[in-house]
Amino acid sequence: GYTVTWSDDFEGPQGQGVDTSKWNIAGPEDGKQNGEWQRYNNWD
């Protein structure tokens, strides 16, 4: 009863980054609203 209108199956070679035509990669300041400890890595 449904059709797929958007998807990502994460196929690709080992070590490759995500498809940046589909995804934004969060940076170090994202998540700070919750007092999170990590820095989100968008540099590699």
PDB file of all heavy atoms in Angstrom:
ATOM      1  N   GLY A   1       0.790  -1.226   0.000  1.00  0.00           N
ATOM      2  CA  GLY A   1       0.000   0.000   0.000  1.00  0.00           C
ATOM      3  C   GLY A   1       0.820   1.271   0.000  1.00  0.00           C
ATOM      4  O   GLY A   1       0.254   2.370   0.053  1.00  0.00           O
ATOM      5  N   TYR A   2       2.153   1.127  -0.065  1.00  0.00           N
ATOM      6  CA  TYR A   2       3.034   2.286  -0.043  1.00  0.00           C
ATOM      7  C   TYR A   2       4.029   2.215  -1.202  1.00  0.00           C
ATOM      8  O   TYR A   2       4.303   1.145  -1.748  1.00  0.00           O
ATOM      9  CB  TYR A   2       3.855   2.333   1.255  1.00  0.00           C
ATOM     10  CG  TYR A   2       3.072   2.595   2.515  1.00  0.00           C
ATOM     11  CD1 TYR A   2       2.446   1.549   3.206  1.00  0.00           C
ATOM     12  CD2 TYR A   2       2.994   3.880   3.051  1.00  0.00           C
ATOM     13  CE1 TYR A   2       1.751   1.788   4.382  1.00  0.00           C
ATOM     14  CE2 TYR A   2       2.301   4.123   4.229  1.00  0.00           C
ATOM     15  CZ  TYR A   2       1.688   3.072   4.887  1.00  0.00           C
ATOM     16  OH  TYR A   2       0.997   3.307   6.059  1.00  0.00           O
ATOM     17  N   THR A   3       4.594   3.366  -1.522  1.00  0.00           N
ATOM     18  CA  THR A   3       5.727   3.433  -2.428  1.00  0.00           C
ATOM     19  C   THR A   3       6.866   4.151  -1.726  1.00  0.00           C
ATOM     20  O   THR A   3       6.633   5.059  -0.903  1.00  0.00           O
ATOM     21  CB  THR A   3       5.353   4.165  -3.729  1.00  0.00           C
ATOM     22  OG1 THR A   3       6.443   4.098  -4.643  1.00  0.00           O
ATOM     23  CG2 THR A   3       5.016   5.626  -3.470  1.00  0.00           C
ATOM     24  N   VAL A   4       8.097   3.747  -2.011  1.00  0.00           N
ATOM     25  CA  VAL A   4       9.265   4.395  -1.413  1.00  0.00           C
ATOM     26  C   VAL A   4       9.464   5.748  -2.092  1.00  0.00           C
ATOM     27  O   VAL A   4       9.590   5.836  -3.314  1.00  0.00           O
ATOM     28  CB  VAL A   4      10.525   3.527  -1.575  1.00  0.00           C
ATOM     29  CG1 VAL A   4      11.748   4.256  -1.023  1.00  0.00           C
ATOM     30  CG2 VAL A   4      10.351   2.183  -0.883  1.00  0.00           C
ATOM     31  N   THR A   5       9.499   6.802  -1.307  1.00  0.00           N
ATOM     32  CA  THR A   5       9.667   8.148  -1.862  1.00  0.00           C
ATOM     33  C   THR A   5      11.039   8.739  -1.551  1.00  0.00           C
ATOM     34  O   THR A   5      11.420   9.746  -2.149  1.00  0.00           O
ATOM     35  CB  THR A   5       8.575   9.083  -1.329  1.00  0.00           C
ATOM     36  OG1 THR A   5       8.533   9.015   0.104  1.00  0.00           O
ATOM     37  CG2 THR A   5       7.208   8.685  -1.897  1.00  0.00           C
ATOM     38  N   TRP A   6      11.771   8.132  -0.642  1.00  0.00           N
ATOM     39  CA  TRP A   6      13.138   8.572  -0.321  1.00  0.00           C
ATOM     40  C   TRP A   6      13.799   7.435   0.449  1.00  0.00           C
ATOM     41  O   TRP A   6      13.154   6.781   1.272  1.00  0.00           O
ATOM     42  CB  TRP A   6      13.110   9.836   0.536  1.00  0.00           C
ATOM     43  CG  TRP A   6      14.457  10.423   0.863  1.00  0.00           C
ATOM     44  CD1 TRP A   6      15.109  11.412   0.192  1.00  0.00           C
ATOM     45  CD2 TRP A   6      15.307  10.080   1.974  1.00  0.00           C
ATOM     46  NE1 TRP A   6      16.308  11.699   0.795  1.00  0.00           N
ATOM     47  CE2 TRP A   6      16.446  10.885   1.898  1.00  0.00           C
ATOM     48  CE3 TRP A   6      15.203   9.145   3.013  1.00  0.00           C
ATOM     49  CZ2 TRP A   6      17.490  10.814   2.818  1.00  0.00           C
ATOM     50  CZ3 TRP A   6      16.241   9.059   3.932  1.00  0.00           C
ATOM     51  CH2 TRP A   6      17.368   9.890   3.829  1.00  0.00           C
ATOM     52  N   SER A   7      15.092   7.196   0.218  1.00  0.00           N
ATOM     53  CA  SER A   7      15.763   6.117   0.944  1.00  0.00           C
ATOM     54  C   SER A   7      17.268   6.232   0.817  1.00  0.00           C
ATOM     55  O   SER A   7      17.793   6.922  -0.068  1.00  0.00           O
ATOM     56  CB  SER A   7      15.312   4.742   0.433  1.00  0.00           C
ATOM     57  OG  SER A   7      15.764   4.532  -0.899  1.00  0.00           O
ATOM     58  N   ASP A   8      17.958   5.520   1.692  1.00  0.00           N
ATOM     59  CA  ASP A   8      19.404   5.322   1.597  1.00  0.00           C
ATOM     60  C   ASP A   8      19.711   3.932   2.150  1.00  0.00           C
ATOM     61  O   ASP A   8      19.323   3.610   3.277  1.00  0.00           O
ATOM     62  CB  ASP A   8      20.169   6.384   2.388  1.00  0.00           C
ATOM     63  CG  ASP A   8      21.641   6.464   1.999  1.00  0.00           C
ATOM     64  OD1 ASP A   8      22.159   5.496   1.398  1.00  0.00           O
ATOM     65  OD2 ASP A   8      22.279   7.492   2.291  1.00  0.00           O
ATOM     66  N   ASP A   9      20.377   3.095   1.321  1.00  0.00           N
ATOM     67  CA  ASP A   9      20.740   1.743   1.760  1.00  0.00           C
ATOM     68  C   ASP A   9      22.215   1.639   2.121  1.00  0.00           C
ATOM     69  O   ASP A   9      22.702   0.554   2.405  1.00  0.00           O
ATOM     70  CB  ASP A   9      20.376   0.708   0.703  1.00  0.00           C
ATOM     71  CG  ASP A   9      21.033   0.986  -0.641  1.00  0.00           C
ATOM     72  OD1 ASP A   9      21.926   1.869  -0.724  1.00  0.00           O
ATOM     73  OD2 ASP A   9      20.657   0.324  -1.622  1.00  0.00           O
ATOM     74  N   PHE A  10      22.941   2.737   2.100  1.00  0.00           N
ATOM     75  CA  PHE A  10      24.323   2.823   2.569  1.00  0.00           C
ATOM     76  C   PHE A  10      25.260   1.833   1.880  1.00  0.00           C
ATOM     77  O   PHE A  10      26.201   1.325   2.494  1.00  0.00           O
ATOM     78  CB  PHE A  10      24.379   2.665   4.090  1.00  0.00           C
ATOM     79  CG  PHE A  10      23.543   3.692   4.811  1.00  0.00           C
ATOM     80  CD1 PHE A  10      22.433   3.307   5.550  1.00  0.00           C
ATOM     81  CD2 PHE A  10      23.832   5.041   4.709  1.00  0.00           C
ATOM     82  CE1 PHE A  10      21.640   4.257   6.194  1.00  0.00           C
ATOM     83  CE2 PHE A  10      23.043   6.001   5.340  1.00  0.00           C
ATOM     84  CZ  PHE A  10      21.954   5.603   6.097  1.00  0.00           C
ATOM     85  N   GLU A  11      24.996   1.574   0.623  1.00  0.00           N
ATOM     86  CA  GLU A  11      25.913   0.752  -0.152  1.00  0.00           C
ATOM     87  C   GLU A  11      27.081   1.607  -0.641  1.00  0.00           C
ATOM     88  O   GLU A  11      26.916   2.779  -0.996  1.00  0.00           O
ATOM     89  CB  GLU A  11      25.179   0.121  -1.340  1.00  0.00           C
ATOM     90  CG  GLU A  11      24.121  -0.885  -0.934  1.00  0.00           C
ATOM     91  CD  GLU A  11      23.565  -1.639  -2.129  1.00  0.00           C
ATOM     92  OE1 GLU A  11      24.151  -1.535  -3.214  1.00  0.00           O
ATOM     93  OE2 GLU A  11      22.546  -2.332  -1.962  1.00  0.00           O
ATOM     94  N   GLY A  12      28.264   1.001  -0.649  1.00  0.00           N
ATOM     95  CA  GLY A  12      29.453   1.706  -1.085  1.00  0.00           C
ATOM     96  C   GLY A  12      30.676   1.097  -0.445  1.00  0.00           C
ATOM     97  O   GLY A  12      30.586   0.220   0.428  1.00  0.00           O
ATOM     98  N   PRO A  13      31.853   1.538  -0.860  1.00  0.00           N
ATOM     99  CA  PRO A  13      33.089   0.947  -0.348  1.00  0.00           C
ATOM    100  C   PRO A  13      33.347   1.302   1.113  1.00  0.00           C
ATOM    101  O   PRO A  13      32.924   2.352   1.602  1.00  0.00           O
ATOM    102  CB  PRO A  13      34.171   1.544  -1.257  1.00  0.00           C
ATOM    103  CG  PRO A  13      33.578   2.803  -1.778  1.00  0.00           C
ATOM    104  CD  PRO A  13      32.114   2.545  -1.903  1.00  0.00           C
ATOM    105  N   GLN A  14      34.049   0.404   1.790  1.00  0.00           N
ATOM    106  CA  GLN A  14      34.402   0.612   3.184  1.00  0.00           C
ATOM    107  C   GLN A  14      35.158   1.927   3.367  1.00  0.00           C
ATOM    108  O   GLN A  14      36.065   2.254   2.608  1.00  0.00           O
ATOM    109  CB  GLN A  14      35.280  -0.538   3.667  1.00  0.00           C
ATOM    110  CG  GLN A  14      35.768  -0.388   5.100  1.00  0.00           C
ATOM    111  CD  GLN A  14      36.740  -1.486   5.473  1.00  0.00           C
ATOM    112  OE1 GLN A  14      36.611  -2.609   5.019  1.00  0.00           O
ATOM    113  NE2 GLN A  14      37.722  -1.158   6.299  1.00  0.00           N
ATOM    114  N   GLY A  15      34.743   2.684   4.378  1.00  0.00           N
ATOM    115  CA  GLY A  15      35.419   3.928   4.705  1.00  0.00           C
ATOM    116  C   GLY A  15      34.866   5.147   4.025  1.00  0.00           C
ATOM    117  O   GLY A  15      35.198   6.277   4.419  1.00  0.00           O
ATOM    118  N   GLN A  16      34.013   4.971   3.032  1.00  0.00           N
ATOM    119  CA  GLN A  16      33.434   6.115   2.333  1.00  0.00           C
ATOM    120  C   GLN A  16      32.447   6.833   3.235  1.00  0.00           C
ATOM    121  O   GLN A  16      31.754   6.216   4.037  1.00  0.00           O
ATOM    122  CB  GLN A  16      32.735   5.651   1.061  1.00  0.00           C
ATOM    123  CG  GLN A  16      32.096   6.760   0.240  1.00  0.00           C
ATOM    124  CD  GLN A  16      31.563   6.228  -1.078  1.00  0.00           C
ATOM    125  OE1 GLN A  16      32.313   5.834  -1.958  1.00  0.00           O
ATOM    126  NE2 GLN A  16      30.241   6.186  -1.194  1.00  0.00           N
ATOM    127  N   GLY A  17      32.362   8.136   3.094  1.00  0.00           N
ATOM    128  CA  GLY A  17      31.405   8.901   3.876  1.00  0.00           C
ATOM    129  C   GLY A  17      29.989   8.737   3.357  1.00  0.00           C
ATOM    130  O   GLY A  17      29.748   8.120   2.314  1.00  0.00           O
ATOM    131  N   VAL A  18      29.046   9.308   4.073  1.00  0.00           N
ATOM    132  CA  VAL A  18      27.642   9.236   3.657  1.00  0.00           C
ATOM    133  C   VAL A  18      27.431  10.058   2.389  1.00  0.00           C
ATOM    134  O   VAL A  18      28.243  10.922   2.037  1.00  0.00           O
ATOM    135  CB  VAL A  18      26.687   9.723   4.764  1.00  0.00           C
ATOM    136  CG1 VAL A  18      26.753   8.814   5.971  1.00  0.00           C
ATOM    137  CG2 VAL A  18      26.982  11.161   5.148  1.00  0.00           C
ATOM    138  N   ASP A  19      26.322   9.783   1.719  1.00  0.00           N
ATOM    139  CA  ASP A  19      25.960  10.483   0.501  1.00  0.00           C
ATOM    140  C   ASP A  19      25.521  11.907   0.869  1.00  0.00           C
ATOM    141  O   ASP A  19      24.432  12.114   1.415  1.00  0.00           O
ATOM    142  CB  ASP A  19      24.823   9.730  -0.190  1.00  0.00           C
ATOM    143  CG  ASP A  19      24.409  10.330  -1.521  1.00  0.00           C
ATOM    144  OD1 ASP A  19      24.794  11.475  -1.801  1.00  0.00           O
ATOM    145  OD2 ASP A  19      23.681   9.641  -2.260  1.00  0.00           O
ATOM    146  N   THR A  20      26.359  12.882   0.563  1.00  0.00           N
ATOM    147  CA  THR A  20      26.057  14.257   0.971  1.00  0.00           C
ATOM    148  C   THR A  20      25.016  14.927   0.074  1.00  0.00           C
ATOM    149  O   THR A  20      24.643  16.076   0.319  1.00  0.00           O
ATOM    150  CB  THR A  20      27.339  15.106   1.012  1.00  0.00           C
ATOM    151  OG1 THR A  20      28.022  15.003  -0.239  1.00  0.00           O
ATOM    152  CG2 THR A  20      28.248  14.636   2.138  1.00  0.00           C
ATOM    153  N   SER A  21      24.533  14.214  -0.944  1.00  0.00           N
ATOM    154  CA  SER A  21      23.367  14.720  -1.664  1.00  0.00           C
ATOM    155  C   SER A  21      22.085  14.422  -0.886  1.00  0.00           C
ATOM    156  O   SER A  21      21.036  15.024  -1.144  1.00  0.00           O
ATOM    157  CB  SER A  21      23.279  14.111  -3.064  1.00  0.00           C
ATOM    158  OG  SER A  21      22.908  12.734  -3.008  1.00  0.00           O
ATOM    159  N   LYS A  22      22.173  13.504   0.081  1.00  0.00           N
ATOM    160  CA  LYS A  22      21.016  13.113   0.896  1.00  0.00           C
ATOM    161  C   LYS A  22      21.120  13.585   2.342  1.00  0.00           C
ATOM    162  O   LYS A  22      20.091  13.751   3.013  1.00  0.00           O
ATOM    163  CB  LYS A  22      20.843  11.593   0.880  1.00  0.00           C
ATOM    164  CG  LYS A  22      20.517  11.016  -0.487  1.00  0.00           C
ATOM    165  CD  LYS A  22      20.311   9.510  -0.414  1.00  0.00           C
ATOM    166  CE  LYS A  22      19.916   8.944  -1.782  1.00  0.00           C
ATOM    167  NZ  LYS A  22      19.686   7.486  -1.725  1.00  0.00           N
ATOM    168  N   TRP A  23      22.345  13.741   2.841  1.00  0.00           N
ATOM    169  CA  TRP A  23      22.544  13.991   4.264  1.00  0.00           C
ATOM    170  C   TRP A  23      23.416  15.218   4.515  1.00  0.00           C
ATOM    171  O   TRP A  23      24.409  15.440   3.813  1.00  0.00           O
ATOM    172  CB  TRP A  23      23.218  12.799   4.937  1.00  0.00           C
ATOM    173  CG  TRP A  23      22.474  11.516   4.858  1.00  0.00           C
ATOM    174  CD1 TRP A  23      22.699  10.492   3.978  1.00  0.00           C
ATOM    175  CD2 TRP A  23      21.394  11.096   5.695  1.00  0.00           C
ATOM    176  NE1 TRP A  23      21.819   9.460   4.218  1.00  0.00           N
ATOM    177  CE2 TRP A  23      21.001   9.789   5.264  1.00  0.00           C
ATOM    178  CE3 TRP A  23      20.716  11.676   6.777  1.00  0.00           C
ATOM    179  CZ2 TRP A  23      19.971   9.085   5.882  1.00  0.00           C
ATOM    180  CZ3 TRP A  23      19.690  10.973   7.378  1.00  0.00           C
ATOM    181  CH2 TRP A  23      19.325   9.690   6.934  1.00  0.00           C
ATOM    182  N   ASN A  24      23.061  15.969   5.539  1.00  0.00           N
ATOM    183  CA  ASN A  24      23.959  16.944   6.146  1.00  0.00           C
ATOM    184  C   ASN A  24      24.693  16.258   7.284  1.00  0.00           C
ATOM    185  O   ASN A  24      24.108  15.439   8.010  1.00  0.00           O
ATOM    186  CB  ASN A  24      23.182  18.139   6.704  1.00  0.00           C
ATOM    187  CG  ASN A  24      22.520  18.963   5.617  1.00  0.00           C
ATOM    188  OD1 ASN A  24      23.122  19.229   4.583  1.00  0.00           O
ATOM    189  ND2 ASN A  24      21.275  19.367   5.851  1.00  0.00           N
ATOM    190  N   ILE A  25      25.963  16.572   7.463  1.00  0.00           N
ATOM    191  CA  ILE A  25      26.770  15.993   8.533  1.00  0.00           C
ATOM    192  C   ILE A  25      26.936  17.045   9.621  1.00  0.00           C
ATOM    193  O   ILE A  25      27.484  18.125   9.376  1.00  0.00           O
ATOM    194  CB  ILE A  25      28.136  15.528   8.001  1.00  0.00           C
ATOM    195  CG1 ILE A  25      27.938  14.524   6.853  1.00  0.00           C
ATOM    196  CG2 ILE A  25      28.961  14.909   9.126  1.00  0.00           C
ATOM    197  CD1 ILE A  25      29.221  14.168   6.128  1.00  0.00           C
ATOM    198  N   ALA A  26      26.440  16.745  10.818  1.00  0.00           N
ATOM    199  CA  ALA A  26      26.456  17.718  11.906  1.00  0.00           C
ATOM    200  C   ALA A  26      27.879  18.000  12.360  1.00  0.00           C
ATOM    201  O   ALA A  26      28.775  17.144  12.269  1.00  0.00           O
ATOM    202  CB  ALA A  26      25.619  17.204  13.075  1.00  0.00           C
ATOM    203  N   GLY A  27      28.084  19.195  12.881  1.00  0.00           N
ATOM    204  CA  GLY A  27      29.397  19.616  13.341  1.00  0.00           C
ATOM    205  C   GLY A  27      29.496  19.690  14.848  1.00  0.00           C
ATOM    206  O   GLY A  27      28.562  19.336  15.581  1.00  0.00           O
ATOM    207  N   PRO A  28      30.634  20.176  15.363  1.00  0.00           N
ATOM    208  CA  PRO A  28      30.935  20.131  16.795  1.00  0.00           C
ATOM    209  C   PRO A  28      29.926  20.820  17.703  1.00  0.00           C
ATOM    210  O   PRO A  28      29.759  20.415  18.853  1.00  0.00           O
ATOM    211  CB  PRO A  28      32.303  20.813  16.876  1.00  0.00           C
ATOM    212  CG  PRO A  28      32.916  20.599  15.538  1.00  0.00           C
ATOM    213  CD  PRO A  28      31.782  20.666  14.571  1.00  0.00           C
ATOM    214  N   GLU A  29      29.252  21.855  17.209  1.00  0.00           N
ATOM    215  CA  GLU A  29      28.350  22.604  18.086  1.00  0.00           C
ATOM    216  C   GLU A  29      26.957  21.999  18.174  1.00  0.00           C
ATOM    217  O   GLU A  29      26.185  22.375  19.066  1.00  0.00           O
ATOM    218  CB  GLU A  29      28.264  24.052  17.617  1.00  0.00           C
ATOM    219  CG  GLU A  29      29.590  24.800  17.703  1.00  0.00           C
ATOM    220  CD  GLU A  29      30.213  24.696  19.088  1.00  0.00           C
ATOM    221  OE1 GLU A  29      29.519  24.967  20.086  1.00  0.00           O
ATOM    222  OE2 GLU A  29      31.407  24.323  19.173  1.00  0.00           O
ATOM    223  N   ASP A  30      26.606  21.092  17.274  1.00  0.00           N
ATOM    224  CA  ASP A  30      25.284  20.477  17.320  1.00  0.00           C
ATOM    225  C   ASP A  30      25.157  19.581  18.545  1.00  0.00           C
ATOM    226  O   ASP A  30      26.077  18.845  18.891  1.00  0.00           O
ATOM    227  CB  ASP A  30      25.039  19.670  16.052  1.00  0.00           C
ATOM    228  CG  ASP A  30      24.906  20.555  14.835  1.00  0.00           C
ATOM    229  OD1 ASP A  30      23.946  21.333  14.784  1.00  0.00           O
ATOM    230  OD2 ASP A  30      25.780  20.491  13.953  1.00  0.00           O
ATOM    231  N   GLY A  31      24.000  19.635  19.199  1.00  0.00           N
ATOM    232  CA  GLY A  31      23.771  18.832  20.397  1.00  0.00           C
ATOM    233  C   GLY A  31      24.139  19.519  21.687  1.00  0.00           C
ATOM    234  O   GLY A  31      23.889  18.985  22.772  1.00  0.00           O
ATOM    235  N   LYS A  32      24.708  20.709  21.608  1.00  0.00           N
ATOM    236  CA  LYS A  32      25.125  21.391  22.826  1.00  0.00           C
ATOM    237  C   LYS A  32      23.936  21.825  23.678  1.00  0.00           C
ATOM    238  O   LYS A  32      24.077  22.081  24.870  1.00  0.00           O
ATOM    239  CB  LYS A  32      25.985  22.603  22.475  1.00  0.00           C
ATOM    240  CG  LYS A  32      27.315  22.253  21.789  1.00  0.00           C
ATOM    241  CD  LYS A  32      28.158  21.327  22.632  1.00  0.00           C
ATOM    242  CE  LYS A  32      29.491  21.048  21.967  1.00  0.00           C
ATOM    243  NZ  LYS A  32      30.304  20.067  22.745  1.00  0.00           N
ATOM    244  N   GLN A  33      22.726  21.899  23.053  1.00  0.00           N
ATOM    245  CA  GLN A  33      21.541  22.298  23.820  1.00  0.00           C
ATOM    246  C   GLN A  33      21.277  21.327  24.956  1.00  0.00           C
ATOM    247  O   GLN A  33      20.704  21.682  25.981  1.00  0.00           O
ATOM    248  CB  GLN A  33      20.299  22.342  22.908  1.00  0.00           C
ATOM    249  CG  GLN A  33      20.459  23.233  21.689  1.00  0.00           C
ATOM    250  CD  GLN A  33      20.918  22.461  20.469  1.00  0.00           C
ATOM    251  OE1 GLN A  33      21.720  21.525  20.578  1.00  0.00           O
ATOM    252  NE2 GLN A  33      20.418  22.839  19.302  1.00  0.00           N
ATOM    253  N   ASN A  34      21.684  20.080  24.801  1.00  0.00           N
ATOM    254  CA  ASN A  34      21.452  19.055  25.823  1.00  0.00           C
ATOM    255  C   ASN A  34      22.647  18.864  26.749  1.00  0.00           C
ATOM    256  O   ASN A  34      22.626  17.980  27.596  1.00  0.00           O
ATOM    257  CB  ASN A  34      21.141  17.711  25.159  1.00  0.00           C
ATOM    258  CG  ASN A  34      19.873  17.748  24.350  1.00  0.00           C
ATOM    259  OD1 ASN A  34      18.878  18.312  24.791  1.00  0.00           O
ATOM    260  ND2 ASN A  34      19.903  17.173  23.162  1.00  0.00           N
ATOM    261  N   GLY A  35      23.679  19.664  26.574  1.00  0.00           N
ATOM    262  CA  GLY A  35      24.869  19.484  27.391  1.00  0.00           C
ATOM    263  C   GLY A  35      25.647  18.238  27.043  1.00  0.00           C
ATOM    264  O   GLY A  35      26.338  17.672  27.893  1.00  0.00           O
ATOM    265  N   GLU A  36      25.526  17.798  25.792  1.00  0.00           N
ATOM    266  CA  GLU A  36      26.232  16.575  25.384  1.00  0.00           C
ATOM    267  C   GLU A  36      27.744  16.771  25.425  1.00  0.00           C
ATOM    268  O   GLU A  36      28.250  17.875  25.221  1.00  0.00           O
ATOM    269  CB  GLU A  36      25.778  16.174  23.973  1.00  0.00           C
ATOM    270  CG  GLU A  36      24.300  15.832  23.909  1.00  0.00           C
ATOM    271  CD  GLU A  36      23.764  15.715  22.485  1.00  0.00           C
ATOM    272  OE1 GLU A  36      24.574  15.499  21.562  1.00  0.00           O
ATOM    273  OE2 GLU A  36      22.539  15.841  22.304  1.00  0.00           O
ATOM    274  N   TRP A  37      28.456  15.683  25.671  1.00  0.00           N
ATOM    275  CA  TRP A  37      29.903  15.746  25.824  1.00  0.00           C
ATOM    276  C   TRP A  37      30.648  15.673  24.498  1.00  0.00           C
ATOM    277  O   TRP A  37      31.746  16.184  24.375  1.00  0.00           O
ATOM    278  CB  TRP A  37      30.372  14.589  26.704  1.00  0.00           C
ATOM    279  CG  TRP A  37      30.108  14.766  28.161  1.00  0.00           C
ATOM    280  CD1 TRP A  37      29.140  15.548  28.744  1.00  0.00           C
ATOM    281  CD2 TRP A  37      30.809  14.148  29.237  1.00  0.00           C
ATOM    282  NE1 TRP A  37      29.189  15.437  30.100  1.00  0.00           N
ATOM    283  CE2 TRP A  37      30.202  14.584  30.438  1.00  0.00           C
ATOM    284  CE3 TRP A  37      31.872  13.256  29.302  1.00  0.00           C
ATOM    285  CZ2 TRP A  37      30.659  14.167  31.691  1.00  0.00           C
ATOM    286  CZ3 TRP A  37      32.319  12.829  30.546  1.00  0.00           C
ATOM    287  CH2 TRP A  37      31.716  13.279  31.731  1.00  0.00           C
ATOM    288  N   GLN A  38      30.074  14.965  23.527  1.00  0.00           N
ATOM    289  CA  GLN A  38      30.825  14.696  22.305  1.00  0.00           C
ATOM    290  C   GLN A  38      30.929  15.929  21.422  1.00  0.00           C
ATOM    291  O   GLN A  38      30.124  16.861  21.515  1.00  0.00           O
ATOM    292  CB  GLN A  38      30.192  13.564  21.502  1.00  0.00           C
ATOM    293  CG  GLN A  38      29.030  13.968  20.599  1.00  0.00           C
ATOM    294  CD  GLN A  38      27.786  14.399  21.337  1.00  0.00           C
ATOM    295  OE1 GLN A  38      27.472  13.836  22.376  1.00  0.00           O
ATOM    296  NE2 GLN A  38      27.074  15.416  20.828  1.00  0.00           N
ATOM    297  N   ARG A  39      31.917  15.894  20.528  1.00  0.00           N
ATOM    298  CA  ARG A  39      31.940  16.809  19.393  1.00  0.00           C
ATOM    299  C   ARG A  39      31.574  15.979  18.168  1.00  0.00           C
ATOM    300  O   ARG A  39      32.215  14.962  17.891  1.00  0.00           O
ATOM    301  CB  ARG A  39      33.324  17.432  19.206  1.00  0.00           C
ATOM    302  CG  ARG A  39      33.761  18.335  20.345  1.00  0.00           C
ATOM    303  CD  ARG A  39      35.106  18.965  20.042  1.00  0.00           C
ATOM    304  NE  ARG A  39      34.997  19.974  18.979  1.00  0.00           N
ATOM    305  CZ  ARG A  39      36.045  20.452  18.308  1.00  0.00           C
ATOM    306  NH1 ARG A  39      37.266  19.996  18.551  1.00  0.00           N
ATOM    307  NH2 ARG A  39      35.865  21.369  17.364  1.00  0.00           N
ATOM    308  N   TYR A  40      30.517  16.385  17.460  1.00  0.00           N
ATOM    309  CA  TYR A  40      30.169  15.679  16.239  1.00  0.00           C
ATOM    310  C   TYR A  40      31.195  16.011  15.163  1.00  0.00           C
ATOM    311  O   TYR A  40      31.526  17.175  14.932  1.00  0.00           O
ATOM    312  CB  TYR A  40      28.757  16.057  15.780  1.00  0.00           C
ATOM    313  CG  TYR A  40      27.671  15.433  16.625  1.00  0.00           C
ATOM    314  CD1 TYR A  40      26.696  16.220  17.232  1.00  0.00           C
ATOM    315  CD2 TYR A  40      27.611  14.057  16.813  1.00  0.00           C
ATOM    316  CE1 TYR A  40      25.697  15.649  18.001  1.00  0.00           C
ATOM    317  CE2 TYR A  40      26.621  13.477  17.584  1.00  0.00           C
ATOM    318  CZ  TYR A  40      25.668  14.281  18.186  1.00  0.00           C
ATOM    319  OH  TYR A  40      24.681  13.712  18.955  1.00  0.00           O
ATOM    320  N   ASN A  41      31.685  14.957  14.522  1.00  0.00           N
ATOM    321  CA  ASN A  41      32.801  15.069  13.586  1.00  0.00           C
ATOM    322  C   ASN A  41      32.288  15.296  12.169  1.00  0.00           C
ATOM    323  O   ASN A  41      31.685  14.412  11.570  1.00  0.00           O
ATOM    324  CB  ASN A  41      33.637  13.783  13.670  1.00  0.00           C
ATOM    325  CG  ASN A  41      34.796  13.763  12.707  1.00  0.00           C
ATOM    326  OD1 ASN A  41      34.940  14.633  11.863  1.00  0.00           O
ATOM    327  ND2 ASN A  41      35.637  12.740  12.819  1.00  0.00           N
ATOM    328  N   ASN A  42      32.564  16.483  11.613  1.00  0.00           N
ATOM    329  CA  ASN A  42      32.246  16.759  10.218  1.00  0.00           C
ATOM    330  C   ASN A  42      33.499  17.126   9.417  1.00  0.00           C
ATOM    331  O   ASN A  42      33.406  17.649   8.313  1.00  0.00           O
ATOM    332  CB  ASN A  42      31.194  17.871  10.093  1.00  0.00           C
ATOM    333  CG  ASN A  42      31.687  19.208  10.611  1.00  0.00           C
ATOM    334  OD1 ASN A  42      32.759  19.307  11.216  1.00  0.00           O
ATOM    335  ND2 ASN A  42      30.905  20.258  10.391  1.00  0.00           N
ATOM    336  N   TRP A  43      34.668  16.816   9.996  1.00  0.00           N
ATOM    337  CA  TRP A  43      35.915  17.166   9.314  1.00  0.00           C
ATOM    338  C   TRP A  43      36.573  15.970   8.622  1.00  0.00           C
ATOM    339  O   TRP A  43      37.425  16.146   7.762  1.00  0.00           O
ATOM    340  CB  TRP A  43      36.899  17.824  10.274  1.00  0.00           C
ATOM    341  CG  TRP A  43      37.227  17.024  11.500  1.00  0.00           C
ATOM    342  CD1 TRP A  43      38.210  16.073  11.639  1.00  0.00           C
ATOM    343  CD2 TRP A  43      36.571  17.098  12.766  1.00  0.00           C
ATOM    344  NE1 TRP A  43      38.205  15.542  12.913  1.00  0.00           N
ATOM    345  CE2 TRP A  43      37.209  16.167  13.628  1.00  0.00           C
ATOM    346  CE3 TRP A  43      35.511  17.861  13.264  1.00  0.00           C
ATOM    347  CZ2 TRP A  43      36.816  15.980  14.947  1.00  0.00           C
ATOM    348  CZ3 TRP A  43      35.144  17.679  14.578  1.00  0.00           C
ATOM    349  CH2 TRP A  43      35.771  16.747  15.405  1.00  0.00           C
ATOM    350  N   ASP A  44      36.181  14.742   8.966  1.00  0.00           N
ATOM    351  CA  ASP A  44      36.633  13.561   8.237  1.00  0.00           C
ATOM    352  C   ASP A  44      35.627  12.439   8.472  1.00  0.00           C
ATOM    353  O   ASP A  44      34.567  12.664   9.060  1.00  0.00           O
ATOM    354  CB  ASP A  44      38.067  13.141   8.622  1.00  0.00           C
ATOM    355  CG  ASP A  44      38.217  12.757  10.095  1.00  0.00           C
ATOM    356  OD1 ASP A  44      37.231  12.288  10.715  1.00  0.00           O
ATOM    357  OD2 ASP A  44      39.327  12.906  10.639  1.00  0.00           O
TER     358      ASP A  44
END
